[in-house]
Amino acid sequence: MSDTIEYRKVEGHENLERDMTSHAIINRNPNAYEVAKKRAADAQSQRDAIRNATREINSIKSEIHEIKNMLLDLTTKR
């Protein structure tokens, strides 16, 4: 049994190789993982910002509804 692992370049992808034993695709670009982590963190930050803006909008809508009800109460009591 041979201890060497055979890799073959993935056609059309400079940094990718296939492990011929497990058939896994391996990215040989050392920066690719860090770039992917940063992209994921940036996407999460954007989702968080949208979520917070949505909460704030809903809170403002609720306050406007309360003000509207108070105004209706004031006008109907006259």
Protein backbone atom coordinates (compact mmCIF):
# COMPACT_ATOMS: atom_id res chain seq x y z
CA MET A 1 0.00 0.00 0.00
CA SER A 2 1.35 3.41 -0.97
CA ASP A 3 1.57 6.25 1.57
CA THR A 4 1.61 8.98 -1.05
CA ILE A 5 -1.58 10.79 -1.85
CA GLU A 6 -2.21 11.58 -5.47
CA TYR A 7 -3.64 14.98 -6.35
CA ARG A 8 -4.83 16.23 -9.71
CA LYS A 9 -5.48 19.80 -10.75
CA VAL A 10 -9.14 20.69 -11.24
CA GLU A 11 -9.57 21.91 -14.78
CA GLY A 12 -10.31 25.61 -15.02
CA HIS A 13 -9.48 26.29 -11.34
CA GLU A 14 -5.90 27.31 -10.62
CA ASN A 15 -6.01 26.74 -6.84
CA LEU A 16 -8.15 23.59 -6.69
CA GLU A 17 -6.90 20.00 -6.61
CA ARG A 18 -8.72 16.69 -6.25
CA ASP A 19 -7.52 14.09 -3.76
CA MET A 20 -7.73 10.94 -5.85
CA THR A 21 -8.16 8.72 -2.76
CA SER A 22 -11.12 10.48 -1.13
CA HIS A 23 -12.20 12.47 -4.22
CA ALA A 24 -12.31 15.61 -2.05
CA ILE A 25 -11.68 18.99 -3.66
CA ILE A 26 -8.90 20.87 -1.87
CA ASN A 27 -8.33 24.60 -2.17
CA ARG A 28 -4.59 25.26 -2.14
CA ASN A 29 -5.05 29.05 -1.85
CA PRO A 30 -4.02 29.90 1.73
CA ASN A 31 -6.02 33.16 1.72
CA ALA A 32 -9.28 31.69 0.40
CA TYR A 33 -10.49 30.55 3.84
CA GLU A 34 -9.88 33.96 5.40
CA VAL A 35 -11.63 35.69 2.50
CA ALA A 36 -14.62 33.34 2.87
CA LYS A 37 -14.78 33.97 6.63
CA LYS A 38 -14.70 37.74 6.09
CA ARG A 39 -17.41 37.51 3.43
CA ALA A 40 -19.59 35.47 5.81
CA ALA A 41 -19.00 37.93 8.67
CA ASP A 42 -19.85 40.87 6.40
CA ALA A 43 -23.05 39.15 5.26
CA GLN A 44 -24.00 38.47 8.91
CA SER A 45 -23.38 42.13 9.80
CA GLN A 46 -25.62 43.21 6.94
CA ARG A 47 -28.38 40.82 8.07
CA ASP A 48 -28.05 42.14 11.63
CA ALA A 49 -28.33 45.75 10.40
CA ILE A 50 -31.48 44.91 8.41
CA ARG A 51 -32.96 43.08 11.39
CA ASN A 52 -32.28 46.06 13.68
CA ALA A 53 -33.74 48.53 11.16
CA THR A 54 -36.85 46.35 10.85
CA ARG A 55 -37.28 46.28 14.64
CA GLU A 56 -36.91 50.04 14.80
CA ILE A 57 -39.46 50.55 12.01
CA ASN A 58 -41.92 48.26 13.76
CA SER A 59 -41.41 50.14 17.01
CA ILE A 60 -42.10 53.47 15.28
CA LYS A 61 -45.20 52.02 13.62
CA SER A 62 -46.46 50.88 17.02
CA GLU A 63 -45.87 54.31 18.51
CA ILE A 64 -47.71 55.99 15.61
CA HIS A 65 -50.61 53.60 16.13
CA GLU A 66 -50.73 54.54 19.83
CA ILE A 67 -50.67 58.26 18.97
CA LYS A 68 -53.45 57.74 16.42
CA ASN A 69 -55.58 55.98 19.03
CA MET A 70 -54.96 58.78 21.55
CA LEU A 71 -55.99 61.38 18.97
CA LEU A 72 -59.14 59.42 18.13
CA ASP A 73 -59.96 59.19 21.85
CA LEU A 74 -59.48 62.95 22.24
CA THR A 75 -61.67 63.80 19.25
CA THR A 76 -64.47 61.45 20.21
CA LYS A 77 -64.65 62.72 23.81
CA ARG A 78 -65.59 66.25 22.70
